[in-house]
Amino acid sequence: MAVYLVGDIQGCDDALARLLAAIDFSASRDCLYVLGDMVNRGPDSAATLRRLMRLGASAQCILGNHDLHLLAVAQGVRPAGRLDTLDAVLKAADAPALLAWLVQQEMAIQAHDILMVHAGVLPGWTTLQTLQLAREVTEVLRGSEMPDFMQSLYGNTPDHWQDNLTGHDRWRTVVNALTRLRFCTPEGVMEFETKEAVGAAPAGFLPWFDVPGRRTAGTTVAFGHWSTLGWLGRPDVIGLDTGCVWGGCLTALRLGQRPADHERIQVHCKSYQQPGPGA
């Protein structure tokens, strides 16, 4: 059995098909972990979801900000954006099945000694706390509170975690950290405007994974979301968004027994969005 982590697909189904062929993926033998943003900006979001659905239990997926955006648009609580390419999902005959499958995906996964999220983890969170908070949001998304929460999903406040947060403020903060985080202060105050690479960090802010004393430092964290960061392969963090939809690559990482044994496999992609990467 081979285990693969895959970065942001963003509706690039052709690239996903070529990547699965390149790794000779077998749903009966192998396991695929997709680190969020399965849909949007690329041309074939519906085909991407159908392909992942056909893989059954061999594909385990995390919700990214674009996946949550699709759910919000489908709920009618958010208009589609100018660059969105979600109509193929929303107008599909099997749209209810696609959306039902999507909402069953996770906000975070720990497997094979790796904590997997879409964007980041706040420095004050432990691995266990991250998983507990992710599960809390997952249960909201799958339950009767989901429509109300989607109404309040968008917003940048609160901009830092407090244990006494409740309700929509609590869940929004968790979602923002797990699906939007790039930079934060050492105290965990999040910044959402900067989308450039590490060197563009605003004054007083650091990449979330470089904050001194980060409580998940003892766990390898794998994430996507940050296409301007590109591939990052450190023992403690693995960044896998290599800009597929922007004309970069779609990247899979085959896990080895040790980090030194991991194997990176990439397929080159067309550019479906101009200019530079967005959120």
Protein backbone atom coordinates (compact mmCIF):
# COMPACT_ATOMS: atom_id res chain seq x y z
CA MET A 1 0.00 0.00 0.00
CA ALA A 2 1.21 3.48 -0.87
CA VAL A 3 0.05 6.63 0.95
CA TYR A 4 -0.05 9.97 -0.85
CA LEU A 5 -0.73 13.55 0.19
CA VAL A 6 -2.01 15.86 -2.56
CA GLY A 7 -2.16 19.64 -2.60
CA ASP A 8 -4.82 22.02 -3.90
CA ILE A 9 -6.59 20.67 -7.02
CA GLN A 10 -9.02 23.60 -7.47
CA GLY A 11 -11.11 21.99 -10.16
CA CYS A 12 -8.19 20.92 -12.35
CA ASP A 13 -9.55 17.44 -13.02
CA ASP A 14 -7.26 16.79 -15.98
CA ALA A 15 -4.23 17.40 -13.78
CA LEU A 16 -5.67 15.12 -11.09
CA ALA A 17 -6.26 12.35 -13.63
CA ARG A 18 -2.69 12.67 -14.92
CA LEU A 19 -1.28 12.68 -11.39
CA LEU A 20 -3.20 9.55 -10.42
CA ALA A 21 -1.92 7.87 -13.57
CA ALA A 22 1.64 8.99 -12.84
CA ILE A 23 1.57 7.37 -9.40
CA ASP A 24 -0.37 4.33 -10.68
CA PHE A 25 -2.94 4.93 -7.95
CA SER A 26 -5.14 1.97 -7.08
CA ALA A 27 -8.23 2.52 -4.94
CA SER A 28 -8.04 -1.09 -3.77
CA ARG A 29 -4.43 -0.75 -2.65
CA ASP A 30 -3.45 2.87 -1.98
CA CYS A 31 -4.63 5.82 0.11
CA LEU A 32 -4.94 9.44 -0.98
CA TYR A 33 -5.21 12.42 1.38
CA VAL A 34 -6.35 15.63 -0.34
CA LEU A 35 -5.47 18.78 1.62
CA GLY A 36 -8.45 20.91 0.65
CA ASP A 37 -9.55 23.27 -2.12
CA MET A 38 -10.79 20.50 -4.32
CA VAL A 39 -12.92 22.96 -6.28
CA ASN A 40 -13.07 26.43 -7.84
CA ARG A 41 -11.00 28.58 -10.19
CA GLY A 42 -10.19 25.60 -12.42
CA PRO A 43 -12.45 24.36 -15.24
CA ASP A 44 -13.77 21.03 -13.93
CA SER A 45 -14.86 21.20 -10.29
CA ALA A 46 -17.76 18.81 -10.80
CA ALA A 47 -15.54 16.25 -12.55
CA THR A 48 -12.97 16.59 -9.76
CA LEU A 49 -15.56 15.84 -7.09
CA ARG A 50 -16.93 12.89 -9.05
CA ARG A 51 -13.43 11.44 -9.49
CA LEU A 52 -12.68 11.71 -5.77
CA MET A 53 -16.08 10.25 -4.90
CA ARG A 54 -15.40 7.23 -7.12
CA LEU A 55 -12.26 6.50 -5.12
CA GLY A 56 -14.43 5.75 -2.10
CA ALA A 57 -12.74 5.26 1.24
CA SER A 58 -9.30 5.33 -0.38
CA ALA A 59 -9.61 9.13 -0.76
CA GLN A 60 -9.83 11.14 2.46
CA CYS A 61 -10.30 14.85 1.93
CA ILE A 62 -10.06 18.03 3.97
CA LEU A 63 -12.27 21.06 3.41
CA GLY A 64 -10.52 24.21 2.23
CA ASN A 65 -11.78 27.77 1.96
CA HIS A 66 -12.94 27.26 -1.64
CA ASP A 67 -14.83 24.10 -0.69
CA LEU A 68 -16.62 25.96 2.10
CA HIS A 69 -17.30 28.80 -0.34
CA LEU A 70 -19.06 26.35 -2.66
CA LEU A 71 -21.25 25.21 0.22
CA ALA A 72 -22.06 28.83 1.09
CA VAL A 73 -22.98 29.68 -2.50
CA ALA A 74 -25.11 26.54 -2.73
CA GLN A 75 -26.92 27.63 0.44
CA GLY A 76 -27.66 31.00 -1.14
CA VAL A 77 -25.86 32.91 1.61
CA ARG A 78 -22.98 34.08 -0.59
CA PRO A 79 -22.94 35.18 -4.24
CA ALA A 80 -20.48 33.56 -6.60
CA GLY A 81 -17.41 35.71 -7.23
CA ARG A 82 -16.16 37.01 -10.57
CA LEU A 83 -13.43 34.38 -10.78
CA ASP A 84 -15.50 31.50 -9.44
CA THR A 85 -16.06 28.45 -11.63
CA LEU A 86 -18.72 26.68 -9.60
CA ASP A 87 -21.67 26.58 -12.02
CA ALA A 88 -20.79 23.10 -13.26
CA VAL A 89 -21.36 21.82 -9.73
CA LEU A 90 -24.35 23.95 -8.84
CA LYS A 91 -26.21 23.22 -12.10
CA ALA A 92 -25.31 19.53 -12.31
CA ALA A 93 -28.05 16.92 -12.17
CA ASP A 94 -26.11 15.23 -9.38
CA ALA A 95 -25.45 18.48 -7.48
CA PRO A 96 -27.23 17.23 -4.32
CA ALA A 97 -25.01 14.15 -4.23
CA LEU A 98 -21.84 16.17 -4.87
CA LEU A 99 -22.65 18.66 -2.11
CA ALA A 100 -23.71 15.93 0.30
CA TRP A 101 -20.38 14.17 -0.25
CA LEU A 102 -18.45 17.43 0.17
CA VAL A 103 -19.98 18.27 3.53
CA GLN A 104 -18.99 14.85 4.84
CA GLN A 105 -15.29 15.63 4.45
CA GLU A 106 -13.10 16.62 7.38
CA MET A 107 -11.62 19.89 8.64
CA ALA A 108 -8.43 18.17 9.86
CA ILE A 109 -7.01 14.65 9.84
CA GLN A 110 -4.19 13.03 11.75
CA ALA A 111 -2.80 9.90 10.13
CA HIS A 112 0.61 8.34 9.52
CA ASP A 113 2.08 10.63 12.21
CA ILE A 114 1.08 13.74 10.23
CA LEU A 115 -1.47 16.41 11.14
CA MET A 116 -3.21 17.48 7.93
CA VAL A 117 -5.03 20.80 7.55
CA HIS A 118 -5.80 23.04 4.63
CA ALA A 119 -4.05 26.24 5.69
CA GLY A 120 -2.55 26.37 9.15
CA VAL A 121 -2.66 25.85 12.89
CA LEU A 122 -2.58 28.61 15.49
CA PRO A 123 0.63 28.57 17.55
CA GLY A 124 -1.19 28.13 20.86
CA TRP A 125 -3.07 25.02 19.74
CA THR A 126 -1.82 21.54 20.50
CA THR A 127 -2.33 18.75 17.99
CA LEU A 128 -5.14 17.30 20.10
CA GLN A 129 -6.86 20.67 20.48
CA THR A 130 -6.62 21.27 16.73
CA LEU A 131 -8.33 17.95 16.03
CA GLN A 132 -11.00 18.57 18.67
CA LEU A 133 -11.84 22.03 17.32
CA ALA A 134 -11.85 20.72 13.75
CA ARG A 135 -14.28 18.00 14.78
CA GLU A 136 -16.49 20.57 16.48
CA VAL A 137 -16.81 22.57 13.25
CA THR A 138 -17.33 19.41 11.20
CA GLU A 139 -20.27 18.46 13.38
CA VAL A 140 -21.77 21.94 12.93
CA LEU A 141 -21.43 21.69 9.15
CA ARG A 142 -23.16 18.31 9.14
CA GLY A 143 -25.91 19.28 11.55
CA SER A 144 -29.00 21.43 11.81
CA GLU A 145 -26.97 24.55 12.71
CA MET A 146 -25.17 24.54 9.37
CA PRO A 147 -27.46 27.03 7.50
CA ASP A 148 -27.27 29.59 10.30
CA PHE A 149 -23.51 29.21 10.62
CA MET A 150 -22.99 29.65 6.88
CA GLN A 151 -24.69 33.04 7.20
CA SER A 152 -21.92 34.14 9.58
CA LEU A 153 -19.03 32.18 8.07
CA TYR A 154 -17.35 35.19 6.47
CA GLY A 155 -15.40 37.73 8.48
CA ASN A 156 -11.97 38.34 9.97
CA THR A 157 -13.01 38.63 13.61
CA PRO A 158 -12.23 37.46 16.15
CA ASP A 159 -8.67 37.62 14.88
CA HIS A 160 -7.20 35.41 17.61
CA TRP A 161 -8.22 32.39 19.62
CA GLN A 162 -9.73 32.65 23.09
CA ASP A 163 -10.84 29.59 24.99
CA ASN A 164 -14.04 31.33 26.07
CA LEU A 165 -15.26 31.96 22.53
CA THR A 166 -18.69 30.48 21.87
CA GLY A 167 -21.08 29.94 18.99
CA HIS A 168 -20.48 31.47 15.59
CA ASP A 169 -17.48 33.53 16.74
CA ARG A 170 -15.80 30.37 18.00
CA TRP A 171 -16.49 28.36 14.86
CA ARG A 172 -15.52 31.20 12.52
CA THR A 173 -12.18 31.60 14.28
CA VAL A 174 -11.49 27.88 13.91
CA VAL A 175 -12.46 27.93 10.23
CA ASN A 176 -10.29 30.99 9.56
CA ALA A 177 -7.26 29.35 11.17
CA LEU A 178 -7.69 25.99 9.48
CA THR A 179 -8.60 27.28 6.01
CA ARG A 180 -7.19 30.81 5.59
CA LEU A 181 -4.16 31.26 7.84
CA ARG A 182 -0.78 32.27 6.43
CA PHE A 183 0.68 34.87 8.79
CA CYS A 184 0.12 35.51 12.48
CA THR A 185 1.86 37.21 15.39
CA PRO A 186 3.68 35.23 18.08
CA GLU A 187 0.52 35.72 20.17
CA GLY A 188 -1.63 34.14 17.46
CA VAL A 189 -3.29 37.25 15.98
CA MET A 190 -4.16 36.31 12.39
CA GLU A 191 -3.61 38.42 9.26
CA PHE A 192 -5.60 37.64 6.12
CA GLU A 193 -4.73 40.33 3.56
CA THR A 194 -1.22 39.21 2.58
CA LYS A 195 -1.15 36.41 0.01
CA GLU A 196 2.45 36.72 -1.12
CA ALA A 197 5.37 34.51 -0.11
CA VAL A 198 7.16 34.42 3.23
CA GLY A 199 9.30 37.48 2.50
CA ALA A 200 6.19 39.67 2.32
CA ALA A 201 5.24 39.13 5.96
CA PRO A 202 3.76 42.31 7.45
CA ALA A 203 5.64 43.92 10.31
CA GLY A 204 5.19 41.92 13.50
CA PHE A 205 3.87 38.84 11.68
CA LEU A 206 5.45 35.49 10.87
CA PRO A 207 4.45 32.48 8.81
CA TRP A 208 2.33 30.49 11.23
CA PHE A 209 4.76 27.56 11.09
CA ASP A 210 7.75 29.73 12.10
CA VAL A 211 6.27 31.15 15.30
CA PRO A 212 8.65 30.33 18.19
CA GLY A 213 7.14 27.93 20.67
CA ARG A 214 4.41 26.69 18.32
CA ARG A 215 2.72 23.90 20.28
CA THR A 216 2.42 21.59 17.27
CA ALA A 217 6.17 21.79 16.61
CA GLY A 218 6.58 18.18 17.69
CA THR A 219 4.09 16.99 15.06
CA THR A 220 4.66 17.14 11.31
CA VAL A 221 1.94 19.36 9.82
CA ALA A 222 0.99 19.08 6.15
CA PHE A 223 -1.00 21.86 4.49
CA GLY A 224 -1.88 23.50 1.18
CA HIS A 225 -3.52 26.89 0.53
CA TRP A 226 -0.35 28.94 0.00
CA SER A 227 0.50 28.78 -3.70
CA THR A 228 3.01 31.64 -3.53
CA LEU A 229 4.89 29.67 -0.90
CA GLY A 230 5.03 26.62 -3.15
CA TRP A 231 6.64 23.36 -2.16
CA LEU A 232 7.96 23.24 1.40
CA GLY A 233 9.55 20.04 2.63
CA ARG A 234 10.80 20.36 6.19
CA PRO A 235 10.74 17.64 8.84
CA ASP A 236 8.12 19.61 10.79
CA VAL A 237 6.02 21.11 7.97
CA ILE A 238 5.05 20.04 4.46
CA GLY A 239 3.56 22.63 2.10
CA LEU A 240 1.86 21.12 -0.95
CA ASP A 241 0.07 23.91 -2.81
CA THR A 242 2.27 24.33 -5.88
CA GLY A 243 -0.08 26.54 -7.87
CA CYS A 244 -1.88 24.03 -10.05
CA VAL A 245 -4.60 26.42 -11.19
CA TRP A 246 -2.06 29.21 -11.78
CA GLY A 247 0.03 27.26 -14.28
CA GLY A 248 2.25 25.57 -11.71
CA CYS A 249 2.10 21.91 -10.73
CA LEU A 250 -0.20 19.53 -8.94
CA THR A 251 1.93 17.78 -6.35
CA ALA A 252 1.65 14.45 -4.57
CA LEU A 253 3.95 13.31 -1.80
CA ARG A 254 4.37 9.57 -1.36
CA LEU A 255 5.10 8.90 2.28
CA GLY A 256 8.11 6.80 3.14
CA GLN A 257 9.17 5.21 6.40
CA ARG A 258 11.14 8.37 7.23
CA PRO A 259 10.87 11.96 5.92
CA ALA A 260 14.07 11.34 3.95
CA ASP A 261 12.24 8.55 2.12
CA HIS A 262 9.28 10.67 1.01
CA GLU A 263 8.94 10.97 -2.77
CA ARG A 264 7.54 14.04 -4.51
CA ILE A 265 5.62 13.52 -7.77
CA GLN A 266 4.36 16.45 -9.86
CA VAL A 267 2.43 17.03 -13.06
CA HIS A 268 2.53 20.37 -14.84
CA CYS A 269 -0.73 22.24 -15.34
CA LYS A 270 -2.24 24.85 -17.57
CA SER A 271 -2.87 28.34 -16.23
CA TYR A 272 -6.59 28.86 -15.73
CA GLN A 273 -6.45 32.09 -13.74
CA GLN A 274 -4.75 35.44 -14.35
CA PRO A 275 -3.26 37.48 -12.84
CA GLY A 276 -1.47 35.95 -9.79
CA PRO A 277 -2.86 33.69 -7.11
CA GLY A 278 -5.84 34.71 -5.04
CA ALA A 279 -7.22 33.45 -1.73
